[in-house]
Amino acid sequence: MSRGLVAEAHTEVAAPPDAVWQALVDPRMVKQYMMGAEVVSDWKRGSAIVWKGEYEGKTFEDKGKILAIEPGQRLSYTHFSPLTGDPDVPENYHTVTVELAPGGKRGSTGVTLTQDNNDDAESRDHSAAFWQDMLDRLKGIVER
């Protein structure tokens, strides 16, 4: 169940779901499309997930928990960033879900990402733009 306004981003990658999935869970690949952030997780349901790096000149360590993981199909996790300045309490976490499905072209994969718990339209639109940029970079990496 989503909370607040939901941001959405979508792309189609000219590669099979397994290749896209690899990009979602391989720390070396994540670092290439997530602004140099290091991701740490054992990729199991209920496990922690942490992103470390620098964003707009500020060091960050975002965190969350994996809610669902279905290789080649779906990854869902909570996400909290201390850079927001908000307290680290459950109501300040987002749920991010990435779903993979057959694309419109043979051998391609549709990637849809949603992020809930955006307070207003401006926050939703900012999140959607951020995630769209990330998906565009992921597409470029997988397709090269």
C-alpha atoms as a PDB file:
ATOM      1  CA  MET A   1       0.000   0.000   0.000  1.00  0.00           C
ATOM      2  CA  SER A   2       1.515   3.316  -1.025  1.00  0.00           C
ATOM      3  CA  ARG A   3       1.479   6.432   1.120  1.00  0.00           C
ATOM      4  CA  GLY A   4       1.398  10.041  -0.018  1.00  0.00           C
ATOM      5  CA  LEU A   5       1.860  10.973  -3.643  1.00  0.00           C
ATOM      6  CA  VAL A   6       3.653   8.441  -5.830  1.00  0.00           C
ATOM      7  CA  ALA A   7       6.495   9.401  -8.176  1.00  0.00           C
ATOM      8  CA  GLU A   8       6.945   7.190 -11.226  1.00  0.00           C
ATOM      9  CA  ALA A   9       9.661   6.729 -13.829  1.00  0.00           C
ATOM     10  CA  HIS A  10       9.838   4.335 -16.756  1.00  0.00           C
ATOM     11  CA  THR A  11      12.233   3.243 -19.464  1.00  0.00           C
ATOM     12  CA  GLU A  12      12.634   0.423 -21.933  1.00  0.00           C
ATOM     13  CA  VAL A  13      16.021  -1.268 -22.071  1.00  0.00           C
ATOM     14  CA  ALA A  14      17.160  -3.144 -25.173  1.00  0.00           C
ATOM     15  CA  ALA A  15      18.277  -6.141 -23.120  1.00  0.00           C
ATOM     16  CA  PRO A  16      16.670  -9.147 -21.426  1.00  0.00           C
ATOM     17  CA  PRO A  17      15.395  -8.931 -17.827  1.00  0.00           C
ATOM     18  CA  ASP A  18      18.392 -10.852 -16.455  1.00  0.00           C
ATOM     19  CA  ALA A  19      20.799  -8.186 -17.749  1.00  0.00           C
ATOM     20  CA  VAL A  20      18.689  -5.385 -16.262  1.00  0.00           C
ATOM     21  CA  TRP A  21      18.393  -7.277 -12.984  1.00  0.00           C
ATOM     22  CA  GLN A  22      22.163  -7.652 -12.821  1.00  0.00           C
ATOM     23  CA  ALA A  23      22.482  -3.875 -13.088  1.00  0.00           C
ATOM     24  CA  LEU A  24      20.061  -3.437 -10.176  1.00  0.00           C
ATOM     25  CA  VAL A  25      21.979  -5.666  -7.753  1.00  0.00           C
ATOM     26  CA  ASP A  26      25.644  -5.539  -8.828  1.00  0.00           C
ATOM     27  CA  PRO A  27      27.379  -2.881  -6.670  1.00  0.00           C
ATOM     28  CA  ARG A  28      29.883  -2.071  -9.445  1.00  0.00           C
ATOM     29  CA  MET A  29      27.078  -1.345 -11.879  1.00  0.00           C
ATOM     30  CA  VAL A  30      24.952   0.536  -9.319  1.00  0.00           C
ATOM     31  CA  LYS A  31      27.893   2.847  -8.652  1.00  0.00           C
ATOM     32  CA  GLN A  32      27.951   3.795 -12.350  1.00  0.00           C
ATOM     33  CA  TYR A  33      24.349   4.987 -12.549  1.00  0.00           C
ATOM     34  CA  MET A  34      23.700   6.104  -8.948  1.00  0.00           C
ATOM     35  CA  MET A  35      26.108   9.053  -8.905  1.00  0.00           C
ATOM     36  CA  GLY A  36      29.005   6.999  -7.587  1.00  0.00           C
ATOM     37  CA  ALA A  37      27.113   5.654  -4.573  1.00  0.00           C
ATOM     38  CA  GLU A  38      28.266   2.380  -3.090  1.00  0.00           C
ATOM     39  CA  VAL A  39      25.407   0.006  -2.334  1.00  0.00           C
ATOM     40  CA  VAL A  40      25.787  -2.638   0.358  1.00  0.00           C
ATOM     41  CA  SER A  41      23.275  -5.460   0.807  1.00  0.00           C
ATOM     42  CA  ASP A  42      23.068  -9.229   0.762  1.00  0.00           C
ATOM     43  CA  TRP A  43      19.949  -8.860  -1.421  1.00  0.00           C
ATOM     44  CA  LYS A  44      17.641 -10.960   0.744  1.00  0.00           C
ATOM     45  CA  ARG A  45      14.123 -10.109   1.875  1.00  0.00           C
ATOM     46  CA  GLY A  46      14.266  -8.374   5.269  1.00  0.00           C
ATOM     47  CA  SER A  47      17.945  -7.447   4.915  1.00  0.00           C
ATOM     48  CA  ALA A  48      19.412  -3.989   5.205  1.00  0.00           C
ATOM     49  CA  ILE A  49      20.402  -1.953   2.174  1.00  0.00           C
ATOM     50  CA  VAL A  50      22.770   1.017   2.477  1.00  0.00           C
ATOM     51  CA  TRP A  51      23.948   3.582  -0.071  1.00  0.00           C
ATOM     52  CA  LYS A  52      27.093   5.595   0.703  1.00  0.00           C
ATOM     53  CA  GLY A  53      28.526   8.427  -1.295  1.00  0.00           C
ATOM     54  CA  GLU A  54      28.529  12.138  -1.970  1.00  0.00           C
ATOM     55  CA  TYR A  55      25.660  14.190  -3.410  1.00  0.00           C
ATOM     56  CA  GLU A  56      25.972  17.869  -4.279  1.00  0.00           C
ATOM     57  CA  GLY A  57      29.132  18.107  -2.164  1.00  0.00           C
ATOM     58  CA  LYS A  58      27.626  16.412   0.896  1.00  0.00           C
ATOM     59  CA  THR A  59      28.588  12.973   2.195  1.00  0.00           C
ATOM     60  CA  PHE A  60      25.590  10.718   2.726  1.00  0.00           C
ATOM     61  CA  GLU A  61      24.662   7.283   4.009  1.00  0.00           C
ATOM     62  CA  ASP A  62      21.101   6.415   3.071  1.00  0.00           C
ATOM     63  CA  LYS A  63      19.494   3.266   4.382  1.00  0.00           C
ATOM     64  CA  GLY A  64      16.529   0.987   4.100  1.00  0.00           C
ATOM     65  CA  LYS A  65      15.300  -2.570   4.200  1.00  0.00           C
ATOM     66  CA  ILE A  66      14.505  -4.958   1.364  1.00  0.00           C
ATOM     67  CA  LEU A  67      10.773  -5.656   1.370  1.00  0.00           C
ATOM     68  CA  ALA A  68      10.529  -7.927  -1.677  1.00  0.00           C
ATOM     69  CA  ILE A  69      13.018  -9.419  -4.075  1.00  0.00           C
ATOM     70  CA  GLU A  70      12.037 -11.522  -7.071  1.00  0.00           C
ATOM     71  CA  PRO A  71      15.101 -11.888  -9.328  1.00  0.00           C
ATOM     72  CA  GLY A  72      14.446 -10.742 -12.862  1.00  0.00           C
ATOM     73  CA  GLN A  73      11.046  -9.287 -11.904  1.00  0.00           C
ATOM     74  CA  ARG A  74      10.744  -7.060  -8.853  1.00  0.00           C
ATOM     75  CA  LEU A  75      12.776  -5.296  -6.185  1.00  0.00           C
ATOM     76  CA  SER A  76      11.111  -3.293  -3.421  1.00  0.00           C
ATOM     77  CA  TYR A  77      12.799  -1.572  -0.494  1.00  0.00           C
ATOM     78  CA  THR A  78      12.356   1.218   2.010  1.00  0.00           C
ATOM     79  CA  HIS A  79      14.608   4.251   1.744  1.00  0.00           C
ATOM     80  CA  PHE A  80      15.588   7.027   4.143  1.00  0.00           C
ATOM     81  CA  SER A  81      18.106   9.799   3.562  1.00  0.00           C
ATOM     82  CA  PRO A  82      19.444  11.846   6.491  1.00  0.00           C
ATOM     83  CA  LEU A  83      20.181  14.612   3.948  1.00  0.00           C
ATOM     84  CA  THR A  84      16.487  15.514   4.073  1.00  0.00           C
ATOM     85  CA  GLY A  85      16.982  16.799   7.609  1.00  0.00           C
ATOM     86  CA  ASP A  86      13.931  14.829   8.699  1.00  0.00           C
ATOM     87  CA  PRO A  87      14.031  12.551  11.753  1.00  0.00           C
ATOM     88  CA  ASP A  88      14.781   8.862  11.164  1.00  0.00           C
ATOM     89  CA  VAL A  89      11.265   7.601  11.863  1.00  0.00           C
ATOM     90  CA  PRO A  90       9.096   5.216   9.805  1.00  0.00           C
ATOM     91  CA  GLU A  91       6.817   7.945   8.459  1.00  0.00           C
ATOM     92  CA  ASN A  92       9.838   9.576   6.776  1.00  0.00           C
ATOM     93  CA  TYR A  93      10.781   6.496   4.754  1.00  0.00           C
ATOM     94  CA  HIS A  94       9.826   6.013   1.122  1.00  0.00           C
ATOM     95  CA  THR A  95       9.028   2.683  -0.486  1.00  0.00           C
ATOM     96  CA  VAL A  96      10.846   2.287  -3.810  1.00  0.00           C
ATOM     97  CA  THR A  97       9.694  -0.492  -6.132  1.00  0.00           C
ATOM     98  CA  VAL A  98      11.352  -1.466  -9.408  1.00  0.00           C
ATOM     99  CA  GLU A  99       9.396  -3.801 -11.678  1.00  0.00           C
ATOM    100  CA  LEU A 100      10.683  -5.498 -14.818  1.00  0.00           C
ATOM    101  CA  ALA A 101       8.375  -6.708 -17.583  1.00  0.00           C
ATOM    102  CA  PRO A 102       8.685  -7.669 -21.237  1.00  0.00           C
ATOM    103  CA  GLY A 103       9.224  -4.547 -23.314  1.00  0.00           C
ATOM    104  CA  GLY A 104       7.446  -3.492 -26.473  1.00  0.00           C
ATOM    105  CA  LYS A 105      10.290  -4.705 -28.664  1.00  0.00           C
ATOM    106  CA  ARG A 106      11.441  -8.297 -28.783  1.00  0.00           C
ATOM    107  CA  GLY A 107      14.204  -8.958 -26.252  1.00  0.00           C
ATOM    108  CA  SER A 108      13.689  -5.661 -24.430  1.00  0.00           C
ATOM    109  CA  THR A 109      12.676  -5.039 -20.834  1.00  0.00           C
ATOM    110  CA  GLY A 110      10.292  -2.426 -19.513  1.00  0.00           C
ATOM    111  CA  VAL A 111      11.471  -0.938 -16.224  1.00  0.00           C
ATOM    112  CA  THR A 112       9.015   0.912 -13.999  1.00  0.00           C
ATOM    113  CA  LEU A 113      10.088   2.535 -10.751  1.00  0.00           C
ATOM    114  CA  THR A 114       7.734   4.011  -8.162  1.00  0.00           C
ATOM    115  CA  GLN A 115       8.473   5.912  -4.970  1.00  0.00           C
ATOM    116  CA  ASP A 116       5.722   6.655  -2.493  1.00  0.00           C
ATOM    117  CA  ASN A 117       5.393   9.041   0.442  1.00  0.00           C
ATOM    118  CA  ASN A 118       5.968  12.305  -1.409  1.00  0.00           C
ATOM    119  CA  ASP A 119       4.368  15.138   0.567  1.00  0.00           C
ATOM    120  CA  ASP A 120       3.223  17.298  -2.343  1.00  0.00           C
ATOM    121  CA  ALA A 121       3.235  17.567  -6.130  1.00  0.00           C
ATOM    122  CA  GLU A 122       6.560  19.420  -6.147  1.00  0.00           C
ATOM    123  CA  SER A 123       8.266  16.644  -4.113  1.00  0.00           C
ATOM    124  CA  ARG A 124       6.679  13.984  -6.309  1.00  0.00           C
ATOM    125  CA  ASP A 125       7.823  15.696  -9.495  1.00  0.00           C
ATOM    126  CA  HIS A 126      11.360  16.182  -8.120  1.00  0.00           C
ATOM    127  CA  SER A 127      11.543  12.491  -7.175  1.00  0.00           C
ATOM    128  CA  ALA A 128      10.163  11.410 -10.550  1.00  0.00           C
ATOM    129  CA  ALA A 129      12.792  13.498 -12.365  1.00  0.00           C
ATOM    130  CA  PHE A 130      15.587  12.099 -10.170  1.00  0.00           C
ATOM    131  CA  TRP A 131      14.487   8.498 -10.787  1.00  0.00           C
ATOM    132  CA  GLN A 132      13.979   9.066 -14.510  1.00  0.00           C
ATOM    133  CA  ASP A 133      17.537  10.371 -14.779  1.00  0.00           C
ATOM    134  CA  MET A 134      18.783   7.309 -12.871  1.00  0.00           C
ATOM    135  CA  LEU A 135      16.844   4.923 -15.136  1.00  0.00           C
ATOM    136  CA  ASP A 136      18.202   6.680 -18.215  1.00  0.00           C
ATOM    137  CA  ARG A 137      21.756   6.142 -16.920  1.00  0.00           C
ATOM    138  CA  LEU A 138      20.979   2.483 -16.065  1.00  0.00           C
ATOM    139  CA  LYS A 139      19.657   1.996 -19.621  1.00  0.00           C
ATOM    140  CA  GLY A 140      22.831   3.457 -21.091  1.00  0.00           C
ATOM    141  CA  ILE A 141      25.031   1.163 -19.012  1.00  0.00           C
ATOM    142  CA  VAL A 142      23.076  -2.013 -19.760  1.00  0.00           C
ATOM    143  CA  GLU A 143      22.828  -1.277 -23.485  1.00  0.00           C
ATOM    144  CA  ARG A 144      26.503  -0.484 -24.107  1.00  0.00           C
END
